């Protein structure tokens, strides 16, 4: 997902809580940033944060 689209999602979502149901790799001007974004609310998370969220779901 492009970083601009993620920013638009964050703005539209506001401060509402989100379960972060799915993540997409973040791109800026066609290049990977190394981060991930929630496809629902646009929250930016690192690889490690994403792994922790996914691991918590399995527990």
Protein backbone atom coordinates (compact mmCIF):
# COMPACT_ATOMS: atom_id res chain seq x y z
CA UNK A 1 0.00 0.00 0.00
CA UNK A 2 1.30 3.45 -0.85
CA UNK A 3 2.17 5.61 2.17
CA UNK A 4 -0.16 8.35 0.88
CA UNK A 5 -3.11 5.92 0.90
CA UNK A 6 -2.18 4.77 4.43
CA UNK A 7 -2.09 8.40 5.58
CA UNK A 8 -5.55 8.97 4.11
CA UNK A 9 -6.84 5.87 5.94
CA UNK A 10 -5.37 7.09 9.25
CA UNK A 11 -7.04 10.47 8.81
CA UNK A 12 -10.40 8.94 7.94
CA UNK A 13 -10.21 6.37 10.77
CA UNK A 14 -9.41 8.88 13.51
CA UNK A 15 -8.77 7.67 17.06
CA UNK A 16 -11.18 4.74 16.97
CA UNK A 17 -9.78 1.41 18.18
CA UNK A 18 -8.80 -1.13 15.54
CA UNK A 19 -8.08 -4.86 15.73
CA UNK A 20 -5.71 -4.61 12.73
CA UNK A 21 -7.26 -7.53 10.81
CA UNK A 22 -4.71 -7.47 7.96
CA UNK A 23 -1.42 -5.81 7.07
CA UNK A 24 0.14 -4.72 3.78
CA UNK A 25 3.72 -3.78 2.97
CA UNK A 26 4.20 -0.02 2.83
CA UNK A 27 5.64 1.65 -0.27
CA UNK A 28 6.72 5.24 -0.83
CA UNK A 29 7.25 6.36 -4.43
CA UNK A 30 7.40 2.71 -5.50
CA UNK A 31 10.09 1.67 -3.00
CA UNK A 32 9.53 -0.49 0.11
CA UNK A 33 9.81 1.40 3.39
CA UNK A 34 10.34 -1.74 5.50
CA UNK A 35 7.17 -1.07 7.50
CA UNK A 36 3.65 -2.46 7.31
CA UNK A 37 0.29 -0.71 7.48
CA UNK A 38 -3.09 -1.93 8.68
CA UNK A 39 -5.39 -2.23 5.69
CA UNK A 40 -8.36 -1.11 7.80
CA UNK A 41 -7.14 1.90 9.78
CA UNK A 42 -3.80 2.73 8.12
CA UNK A 43 -1.72 2.37 11.29
CA UNK A 44 1.99 2.01 10.56
CA UNK A 45 3.78 -0.86 12.34
CA UNK A 46 7.27 -2.30 12.15
CA UNK A 47 8.05 -5.88 11.16
CA UNK A 48 8.54 -6.74 14.85
CA UNK A 49 5.27 -5.11 15.97
CA UNK A 50 3.40 -6.96 13.22
CA UNK A 51 4.95 -10.26 14.34
CA UNK A 52 3.93 -9.60 17.96
CA UNK A 53 0.33 -8.76 16.96
CA UNK A 54 0.06 -11.92 14.85
CA UNK A 55 1.61 -14.06 17.62
CA UNK A 56 -0.84 -12.68 20.18
CA UNK A 57 -3.75 -13.74 17.96
CA UNK A 58 -2.51 -17.33 17.88
CA UNK A 59 -2.19 -17.51 21.68
